[in-house]
Amino acid sequence: MEGRMFGLETPLMTALQHLLDVPDSESGGAGNAGGERQGPTRAYVRDARAMAATPADVKELPGAYAFVVDMPGLGSGDIKVQVEDERALVISGERRREEKEDARYLRMERRMGKLMRKFVLPENADMEKISAVCRDGVLTVTVEKLPPPEPKKPKTIQVQVA
């Protein structure tokens, strides 16, 4: 479906659409002759899809930053919260289809697969004070702020009379 129908002709939407429409032969897979990578890898495309489909809110509180991410159907053991490259907060999980031998899906509208979001944390984020709580399918990751640096006091120099 074309983005023009919905007024989504921005460069960002065009780039996302291009990433989502990469066939396997262009993604560095087995169909790529010579083993050269000409486009994004399958993992990159999968992660881009997961990030585009995972809603999140970011709030700045007086003493912390709060990242609120919808993680429907996942328990706390299925969710990973990591800090990569010293400042990148990565929240991920995977929702799998429930398999029952005596049941078959007639309609499947809920999203399955990988859920992921990445955030670059600001300089005043305290990397040692990060907490995560998952309640009713909503994950809240709280990153405390470092206290502001104390203003430097001017140094007084005693003047001696000679």
N, C-alpha and C. Protein backbone atom coordinates (compact mmCIF):
# COMPACT_ATOMS: atom_id res chain seq x y z
N MET A 1 0.84 -1.17 0.00
CA MET A 1 0.00 0.00 0.00
C MET A 1 0.89 1.23 0.00
N GLU A 2 0.57 2.17 -0.80
CA GLU A 2 1.38 3.36 -0.93
C GLU A 2 1.14 4.34 0.20
N GLY A 3 2.19 5.01 0.65
CA GLY A 3 2.09 6.00 1.71
C GLY A 3 1.41 7.27 1.25
N ARG A 4 1.37 7.49 -0.07
CA ARG A 4 0.75 8.71 -0.57
C ARG A 4 -0.73 8.77 -0.24
N MET A 5 -1.36 7.63 -0.14
CA MET A 5 -2.80 7.60 0.15
C MET A 5 -3.09 8.19 1.52
N PHE A 6 -2.15 8.09 2.44
CA PHE A 6 -2.35 8.56 3.80
C PHE A 6 -1.54 9.82 4.10
N GLY A 7 -0.92 10.43 3.10
CA GLY A 7 -0.12 11.61 3.32
C GLY A 7 1.20 11.33 4.03
N LEU A 8 1.76 10.14 3.81
CA LEU A 8 2.99 9.73 4.48
C LEU A 8 4.17 9.75 3.51
N GLU A 9 4.40 10.86 2.86
CA GLU A 9 5.46 10.94 1.86
C GLU A 9 6.74 11.55 2.42
N THR A 10 6.92 11.53 3.72
CA THR A 10 8.12 12.11 4.30
C THR A 10 9.32 11.22 3.99
N PRO A 11 10.52 11.80 4.01
CA PRO A 11 11.71 10.98 3.74
C PRO A 11 11.87 9.83 4.73
N LEU A 12 11.51 10.05 6.00
CA LEU A 12 11.62 8.98 7.00
C LEU A 12 10.71 7.82 6.64
N MET A 13 9.48 8.10 6.27
CA MET A 13 8.54 7.03 5.92
C MET A 13 9.00 6.31 4.65
N THR A 14 9.57 7.06 3.71
CA THR A 14 10.07 6.43 2.49
C THR A 14 11.22 5.48 2.82
N ALA A 15 12.13 5.89 3.71
CA ALA A 15 13.25 5.03 4.10
C ALA A 15 12.76 3.79 4.85
N LEU A 16 11.79 3.96 5.76
CA LEU A 16 11.24 2.81 6.48
C LEU A 16 10.56 1.84 5.52
N GLN A 17 9.80 2.37 4.57
CA GLN A 17 9.12 1.51 3.60
C GLN A 17 10.14 0.72 2.79
N HIS A 18 11.26 1.39 2.41
CA HIS A 18 12.31 0.71 1.65
C HIS A 18 12.91 -0.44 2.47
N LEU A 19 13.15 -0.19 3.76
CA LEU A 19 13.72 -1.24 4.62
C LEU A 19 12.78 -2.42 4.78
N LEU A 20 11.48 -2.14 4.86
CA LEU A 20 10.53 -3.21 5.08
C LEU A 20 10.27 -4.04 3.83
N ASP A 21 10.57 -3.50 2.66
CA ASP A 21 10.30 -4.20 1.40
C ASP A 21 11.53 -4.86 0.80
N VAL A 22 12.57 -5.11 1.59
CA VAL A 22 13.80 -5.71 1.07
C VAL A 22 13.57 -7.20 0.85
N PRO A 23 13.69 -7.69 -0.39
CA PRO A 23 13.56 -9.14 -0.61
C PRO A 23 14.78 -9.87 -0.07
N ASP A 24 14.62 -11.19 0.17
CA ASP A 24 15.69 -12.00 0.74
C ASP A 24 16.96 -11.96 -0.10
N SER A 25 16.84 -11.88 -1.42
CA SER A 25 18.02 -11.91 -2.27
C SER A 25 18.88 -10.67 -2.10
N GLU A 26 18.32 -9.57 -1.61
CA GLU A 26 19.10 -8.35 -1.41
C GLU A 26 19.58 -8.20 0.01
N SER A 27 19.21 -9.09 0.91
CA SER A 27 19.51 -8.89 2.32
C SER A 27 20.74 -9.65 2.79
N GLY A 28 21.61 -10.04 1.88
CA GLY A 28 22.81 -10.75 2.28
C GLY A 28 22.56 -12.23 2.51
N GLY A 29 21.43 -12.73 2.05
CA GLY A 29 21.07 -14.13 2.26
C GLY A 29 21.69 -15.04 1.23
N ALA A 30 21.15 -16.24 1.12
CA ALA A 30 21.72 -17.26 0.24
C ALA A 30 21.60 -16.88 -1.23
N GLY A 31 20.62 -16.05 -1.59
CA GLY A 31 20.43 -15.69 -2.99
C GLY A 31 21.39 -14.63 -3.46
N ASN A 32 22.26 -14.15 -2.63
CA ASN A 32 23.18 -13.09 -2.98
C ASN A 32 24.47 -13.70 -3.51
N ALA A 33 24.76 -13.50 -4.76
CA ALA A 33 25.94 -14.09 -5.38
C ALA A 33 27.21 -13.46 -4.85
N GLY A 34 28.22 -14.28 -4.60
CA GLY A 34 29.51 -13.78 -4.18
C GLY A 34 29.60 -13.47 -2.70
N GLY A 35 28.49 -13.57 -1.96
CA GLY A 35 28.51 -13.32 -0.53
C GLY A 35 28.65 -11.85 -0.16
N GLU A 36 28.57 -10.93 -1.14
CA GLU A 36 28.70 -9.52 -0.84
C GLU A 36 27.38 -9.00 -0.28
N ARG A 37 27.49 -8.10 0.67
CA ARG A 37 26.28 -7.49 1.24
C ARG A 37 25.99 -6.21 0.48
N GLN A 38 24.84 -6.19 -0.17
CA GLN A 38 24.46 -5.02 -0.94
C GLN A 38 23.40 -4.20 -0.24
N GLY A 39 22.73 -4.77 0.73
CA GLY A 39 21.66 -4.07 1.41
C GLY A 39 21.65 -4.45 2.88
N PRO A 40 20.62 -4.05 3.58
CA PRO A 40 20.54 -4.38 5.00
C PRO A 40 20.37 -5.88 5.22
N THR A 41 20.89 -6.37 6.33
CA THR A 41 20.77 -7.79 6.63
C THR A 41 19.36 -8.10 7.13
N ARG A 42 19.02 -9.36 7.15
CA ARG A 42 17.71 -9.78 7.64
C ARG A 42 17.51 -9.37 9.09
N ALA A 43 18.57 -9.51 9.92
CA ALA A 43 18.47 -9.14 11.33
C ALA A 43 18.19 -7.65 11.47
N TYR A 44 18.84 -6.83 10.64
CA TYR A 44 18.63 -5.39 10.68
C TYR A 44 17.18 -5.05 10.31
N VAL A 45 16.67 -5.68 9.28
CA VAL A 45 15.30 -5.43 8.85
C VAL A 45 14.32 -5.90 9.93
N ARG A 46 14.58 -7.07 10.54
CA ARG A 46 13.72 -7.57 11.60
C ARG A 46 13.71 -6.61 12.79
N ASP A 47 14.89 -6.12 13.16
CA ASP A 47 14.97 -5.17 14.28
C ASP A 47 14.29 -3.86 13.94
N ALA A 48 14.43 -3.40 12.71
CA ALA A 48 13.77 -2.15 12.30
C ALA A 48 12.25 -2.31 12.36
N ARG A 49 11.76 -3.45 11.93
CA ARG A 49 10.31 -3.71 12.03
C ARG A 49 9.86 -3.75 13.47
N ALA A 50 10.63 -4.41 14.32
CA ALA A 50 10.28 -4.51 15.74
C ALA A 50 10.25 -3.14 16.39
N MET A 51 11.23 -2.29 16.07
CA MET A 51 11.27 -0.96 16.67
C MET A 51 10.12 -0.08 16.16
N ALA A 52 9.76 -0.24 14.90
CA ALA A 52 8.66 0.56 14.36
C ALA A 52 7.31 0.12 14.93
N ALA A 53 7.20 -1.14 15.34
CA ALA A 53 5.92 -1.67 15.81
C ALA A 53 5.79 -1.70 17.33
N THR A 54 6.78 -1.22 18.06
CA THR A 54 6.74 -1.25 19.52
C THR A 54 6.52 0.17 20.04
N PRO A 55 5.32 0.47 20.52
CA PRO A 55 5.05 1.83 21.00
C PRO A 55 5.73 2.10 22.33
N ALA A 56 6.17 3.34 22.51
CA ALA A 56 6.86 3.71 23.76
C ALA A 56 6.62 5.19 24.05
N ASP A 57 6.62 5.52 25.32
CA ASP A 57 6.56 6.91 25.78
C ASP A 57 7.83 7.18 26.59
N VAL A 58 8.37 8.38 26.47
CA VAL A 58 9.53 8.78 27.25
C VAL A 58 9.14 10.03 28.02
N LYS A 59 9.29 9.95 29.36
CA LYS A 59 8.94 11.08 30.21
C LYS A 59 10.16 11.53 30.98
N GLU A 60 10.28 12.85 31.15
CA GLU A 60 11.32 13.39 32.00
C GLU A 60 10.67 13.86 33.28
N LEU A 61 11.08 13.27 34.38
CA LEU A 61 10.60 13.62 35.70
C LEU A 61 11.66 14.49 36.38
N PRO A 62 11.34 15.13 37.51
CA PRO A 62 12.34 15.97 38.16
C PRO A 62 13.65 15.24 38.50
N GLY A 63 13.59 13.98 38.90
CA GLY A 63 14.81 13.27 39.29
C GLY A 63 15.14 12.06 38.45
N ALA A 64 14.38 11.82 37.36
CA ALA A 64 14.61 10.60 36.58
C ALA A 64 14.01 10.73 35.19
N TYR A 65 14.34 9.75 34.35
CA TYR A 65 13.71 9.57 33.05
C TYR A 65 12.91 8.27 33.12
N ALA A 66 11.71 8.27 32.56
CA ALA A 66 10.88 7.07 32.56
C ALA A 66 10.58 6.67 31.12
N PHE A 67 10.83 5.42 30.81
CA PHE A 67 10.55 4.84 29.50
C PHE A 67 9.41 3.85 29.68
N VAL A 68 8.26 4.11 29.06
CA VAL A 68 7.08 3.28 29.22
C VAL A 68 6.83 2.58 27.88
N VAL A 69 6.91 1.24 27.88
CA VAL A 69 6.84 0.46 26.64
C VAL A 69 5.76 -0.60 26.78
N ASP A 70 4.88 -0.69 25.78
CA ASP A 70 3.87 -1.73 25.75
C ASP A 70 4.52 -3.06 25.39
N MET A 71 4.35 -4.06 26.25
CA MET A 71 4.88 -5.40 26.04
C MET A 71 3.76 -6.41 26.29
N PRO A 72 2.73 -6.42 25.46
CA PRO A 72 1.57 -7.26 25.74
C PRO A 72 1.88 -8.75 25.70
N GLY A 73 1.37 -9.45 26.70
CA GLY A 73 1.50 -10.90 26.73
C GLY A 73 2.85 -11.42 27.17
N LEU A 74 3.77 -10.56 27.58
CA LEU A 74 5.09 -11.01 28.00
C LEU A 74 5.22 -10.93 29.51
N GLY A 75 5.85 -11.95 30.09
CA GLY A 75 6.15 -11.95 31.51
C GLY A 75 7.50 -11.31 31.75
N SER A 76 7.83 -11.09 33.00
CA SER A 76 9.10 -10.42 33.32
C SER A 76 10.31 -11.24 32.86
N GLY A 77 10.19 -12.56 32.79
CA GLY A 77 11.29 -13.40 32.32
C GLY A 77 11.50 -13.34 30.81
N ASP A 78 10.50 -12.84 30.08
CA ASP A 78 10.60 -12.76 28.61
C ASP A 78 11.13 -11.42 28.13
N ILE A 79 11.35 -10.48 29.05
CA ILE A 79 11.76 -9.13 28.68
C ILE A 79 13.20 -8.92 29.10
N LYS A 80 14.01 -8.32 28.20
CA LYS A 80 15.39 -7.98 28.52
C LYS A 80 15.56 -6.47 28.47
N VAL A 81 16.20 -5.94 29.51
CA VAL A 81 16.56 -4.52 29.55
C VAL A 81 18.07 -4.47 29.71
N GLN A 82 18.74 -3.86 28.72
CA GLN A 82 20.20 -3.84 28.72
C GLN A 82 20.70 -2.44 28.40
N VAL A 83 21.93 -2.16 28.81
CA VAL A 83 22.62 -0.93 28.42
C VAL A 83 23.80 -1.35 27.57
N GLU A 84 23.82 -0.89 26.32
CA GLU A 84 24.91 -1.23 25.39
C GLU A 84 25.70 0.03 25.09
N ASP A 85 26.95 -0.14 24.78
CA ASP A 85 27.82 0.98 24.38
C ASP A 85 27.74 2.15 25.35
N GLU A 86 27.63 1.86 26.62
CA GLU A 86 27.63 2.81 27.72
C GLU A 86 26.41 3.73 27.79
N ARG A 87 25.73 4.04 26.69
CA ARG A 87 24.63 5.00 26.73
C ARG A 87 23.39 4.56 25.97
N ALA A 88 23.36 3.36 25.43
CA ALA A 88 22.21 2.91 24.65
C ALA A 88 21.36 1.95 25.49
N LEU A 89 20.14 2.38 25.82
CA LEU A 89 19.20 1.54 26.55
C LEU A 89 18.44 0.70 25.53
N VAL A 90 18.51 -0.63 25.66
CA VAL A 90 17.84 -1.55 24.73
C VAL A 90 16.81 -2.36 25.51
N ILE A 91 15.57 -2.26 25.07
CA ILE A 91 14.46 -3.00 25.68
C ILE A 91 13.96 -3.96 24.62
N SER A 92 13.93 -5.27 24.94
CA SER A 92 13.51 -6.24 23.93
C SER A 92 12.77 -7.40 24.56
N GLY A 93 12.06 -8.10 23.72
CA GLY A 93 11.32 -9.30 24.12
C GLY A 93 10.76 -9.95 22.87
N GLU A 94 10.21 -11.14 23.04
CA GLU A 94 9.62 -11.82 21.89
C GLU A 94 8.33 -12.51 22.32
N ARG A 95 7.30 -12.27 21.56
CA ARG A 95 6.00 -12.88 21.83
C ARG A 95 5.80 -14.01 20.83
N ARG A 96 5.60 -15.21 21.37
CA ARG A 96 5.46 -16.38 20.49
C ARG A 96 4.01 -16.82 20.44
N ARG A 97 3.67 -17.48 19.35
CA ARG A 97 2.32 -18.00 19.16
C ARG A 97 2.09 -19.19 20.08
N GLU A 98 0.92 -19.22 20.69
CA GLU A 98 0.55 -20.35 21.54
C GLU A 98 0.12 -21.49 20.63
N GLU A 99 0.82 -22.60 20.75
CA GLU A 99 0.52 -23.76 19.91
C GLU A 99 -0.29 -24.78 20.70
N LYS A 100 -1.46 -25.11 20.19
CA LYS A 100 -2.27 -26.19 20.76
C LYS A 100 -2.65 -27.11 19.61
N GLU A 101 -2.52 -28.39 19.86
CA GLU A 101 -2.75 -29.35 18.78
C GLU A 101 -4.20 -29.40 18.34
N ASP A 102 -5.14 -29.20 19.25
CA ASP A 102 -6.55 -29.33 18.90
C ASP A 102 -7.19 -28.02 18.49
N ALA A 103 -6.42 -26.95 18.32
CA ALA A 103 -6.98 -25.65 17.93
C ALA A 103 -6.25 -25.11 16.72
N ARG A 104 -6.98 -24.37 15.91
CA ARG A 104 -6.37 -23.69 14.77
C ARG A 104 -6.92 -22.27 14.72
N TYR A 105 -6.08 -21.37 14.27
CA TYR A 105 -6.48 -19.97 14.21
C TYR A 105 -7.41 -19.72 13.02
N LEU A 106 -8.51 -19.06 13.27
CA LEU A 106 -9.39 -18.61 12.21
C LEU A 106 -9.07 -17.17 11.83
N ARG A 107 -8.58 -16.43 12.80
CA ARG A 107 -8.19 -15.05 12.58
C ARG A 107 -7.09 -14.73 13.59
N MET A 108 -6.06 -14.05 13.14
CA MET A 108 -4.95 -13.71 14.02
C MET A 108 -4.59 -12.25 13.77
N GLU A 109 -4.95 -11.37 14.72
CA GLU A 109 -4.71 -9.95 14.56
C GLU A 109 -3.68 -9.40 15.52
N ARG A 110 -3.44 -10.11 16.62
CA ARG A 110 -2.45 -9.62 17.58
C ARG A 110 -1.06 -9.88 17.04
N ARG A 111 -0.16 -8.95 17.28
CA ARG A 111 1.20 -9.03 16.75
C ARG A 111 2.01 -10.09 17.48
N MET A 112 2.70 -10.91 16.72
CA MET A 112 3.63 -11.91 17.24
C MET A 112 5.03 -11.52 16.80
N GLY A 113 6.00 -12.03 17.49
CA GLY A 113 7.38 -11.79 17.09
C GLY A 113 8.11 -10.89 18.05
N LYS A 114 9.16 -10.28 17.54
CA LYS A 114 10.09 -9.50 18.36
C LYS A 114 9.54 -8.11 18.65
N LEU A 115 9.73 -7.69 19.90
CA LEU A 115 9.43 -6.33 20.33
C LEU A 115 10.76 -5.71 20.75
N MET A 116 11.03 -4.49 20.31
CA MET A 116 12.32 -3.88 20.64
C MET A 116 12.24 -2.36 20.53
N ARG A 117 12.96 -1.69 21.43
CA ARG A 117 13.16 -0.25 21.35
C ARG A 117 14.57 0.05 21.84
N LYS A 118 15.20 1.05 21.21
CA LYS A 118 16.52 1.51 21.62
C LYS A 118 16.44 3.01 21.87
N PHE A 119 17.08 3.44 22.95
CA PHE A 119 17.11 4.85 23.31
C PHE A 119 18.55 5.23 23.68
N VAL A 120 18.98 6.40 23.23
CA VAL A 120 20.27 6.92 23.66
C VAL A 120 20.02 7.76 24.90
N LEU A 121 20.67 7.37 25.99
CA LEU A 121 20.47 8.05 27.27
C LEU A 121 21.27 9.35 27.32
N PRO A 122 20.72 10.38 27.97
CA PRO A 122 21.42 11.66 28.07
C PRO A 122 22.63 11.56 29.00
N GLU A 123 23.47 12.57 28.95
CA GLU A 123 24.70 12.59 29.73
C GLU A 123 24.44 12.55 31.24
N ASN A 124 23.30 13.11 31.68
CA ASN A 124 23.05 13.17 33.12
C ASN A 124 22.31 11.94 33.66
N ALA A 125 22.23 10.88 32.87
CA ALA A 125 21.58 9.64 33.31
C ALA A 125 22.57 8.83 34.15
N ASP A 126 22.11 8.33 35.29
CA ASP A 126 22.94 7.52 36.18
C ASP A 126 22.85 6.06 35.74
N MET A 127 23.92 5.54 35.14
CA MET A 127 23.92 4.18 34.60
C MET A 127 23.84 3.12 35.70
N GLU A 128 24.13 3.49 36.93
CA GLU A 128 24.10 2.54 38.04
C GLU A 128 22.72 2.45 38.68
N LYS A 129 21.84 3.36 38.40
CA LYS A 129 20.51 3.38 39.02
C LYS A 129 19.42 3.27 37.96
N ILE A 130 19.26 2.07 37.44
CA ILE A 130 18.23 1.77 36.45
C ILE A 130 17.35 0.67 37.03
N SER A 131 16.04 0.88 36.99
CA SER A 131 15.11 -0.14 37.48
C SER A 131 14.02 -0.37 36.44
N ALA A 132 13.43 -1.56 36.45
CA ALA A 132 12.38 -1.91 35.50
C ALA A 132 11.27 -2.66 36.22
N VAL A 133 10.02 -2.27 35.91
CA VAL A 133 8.85 -2.91 36.50
C VAL A 133 7.86 -3.17 35.37
N CYS A 134 7.35 -4.40 35.30
CA CYS A 134 6.34 -4.74 34.30
C CYS A 134 5.02 -5.03 35.01
N ARG A 135 4.00 -4.25 34.65
CA ARG A 135 2.70 -4.42 35.29
C ARG A 135 1.62 -4.34 34.21
N ASP A 136 0.78 -5.36 34.12
CA ASP A 136 -0.33 -5.41 33.18
C ASP A 136 0.11 -5.21 31.73
N GLY A 137 1.25 -5.79 31.35
CA GLY A 137 1.72 -5.71 29.98
C GLY A 137 2.39 -4.40 29.62
N VAL A 138 2.64 -3.54 30.61
CA VAL A 138 3.31 -2.27 30.37
C VAL A 138 4.60 -2.25 31.19
N LEU A 139 5.72 -2.11 30.49
CA LEU A 139 7.03 -2.07 31.14
C LEU A 139 7.41 -0.62 31.39
N THR A 140 7.83 -0.31 32.60
CA THR A 140 8.32 1.02 32.94
C THR A 140 9.76 0.89 33.39
N VAL A 141 10.67 1.49 32.63
CA VAL A 141 12.09 1.51 32.97
C VAL A 141 12.40 2.91 33.47
N THR A 142 12.93 3.00 34.68
CA THR A 142 13.26 4.29 35.27
C THR A 142 14.77 4.43 35.37
N VAL A 143 15.28 5.51 34.84
CA VAL A 143 16.71 5.81 34.88
C VAL A 143 16.87 7.09 35.69
N GLU A 144 17.51 6.96 36.84
CA GLU A 144 17.71 8.12 37.71
C GLU A 144 18.67 9.12 37.06
N LYS A 145 18.50 10.38 37.40
CA LYS A 145 19.40 11.43 36.93
C LYS A 145 20.54 11.60 37.93
N LEU A 146 21.70 11.95 37.40
CA LEU A 146 22.82 12.30 38.27
C LEU A 146 22.52 13.66 38.90
N PRO A 147 22.95 13.87 40.12
CA PRO A 147 22.73 15.20 40.71
C PRO A 147 23.50 16.25 39.93
N PRO A 148 22.93 17.45 39.83
CA PRO A 148 23.64 18.49 39.07
C PRO A 148 24.96 18.84 39.76
N PRO A 149 25.97 19.18 38.97
CA PRO A 149 27.26 19.50 39.59
C PRO A 149 27.13 20.78 40.42
N GLU A 150 27.83 20.77 41.53
CA GLU A 150 27.78 21.94 42.40
C GLU A 150 28.54 23.07 41.74
N PRO A 151 28.00 24.28 41.82
CA PRO A 151 28.72 25.40 41.21
C PRO A 151 30.06 25.61 41.93
N LYS A 152 31.06 25.90 41.15
CA LYS A 152 32.39 26.10 41.73
C LYS A 152 32.42 27.43 42.48
N LYS A 153 32.93 27.34 43.68
CA LYS A 153 33.04 28.55 44.50
C LYS A 153 34.31 29.28 44.10
N PRO A 154 34.21 30.59 44.05
CA PRO A 154 35.44 31.33 43.69
C PRO A 154 36.49 31.19 44.79
N LYS A 155 37.71 31.10 44.36
CA LYS A 155 38.81 30.95 45.30
C LYS A 155 39.29 32.34 45.69
N THR A 156 39.32 32.57 46.98
CA THR A 156 39.77 33.86 47.47
C THR A 156 41.26 33.78 47.80
N ILE A 157 41.98 34.74 47.29
CA ILE A 157 43.43 34.77 47.51
C ILE A 157 43.74 35.95 48.45
N GLN A 158 44.47 35.63 49.49
CA GLN A 158 44.84 36.64 50.48
C GLN A 158 45.87 37.57 49.88
N VAL A 159 45.64 38.83 49.97
CA VAL A 159 46.57 39.84 49.45
C VAL A 159 47.45 40.30 50.61
N GLN A 160 48.74 40.22 50.42
CA GLN A 160 49.67 40.65 51.46
C GLN A 160 50.25 42.01 51.08
N VAL A 161 50.36 42.86 52.08
CA VAL A 161 50.93 44.17 51.85
C VAL A 161 52.41 44.11 52.15
N ALA A 162 53.23 44.59 51.23
CA ALA A 162 54.66 44.51 51.43
C ALA A 162 55.26 45.85 51.80
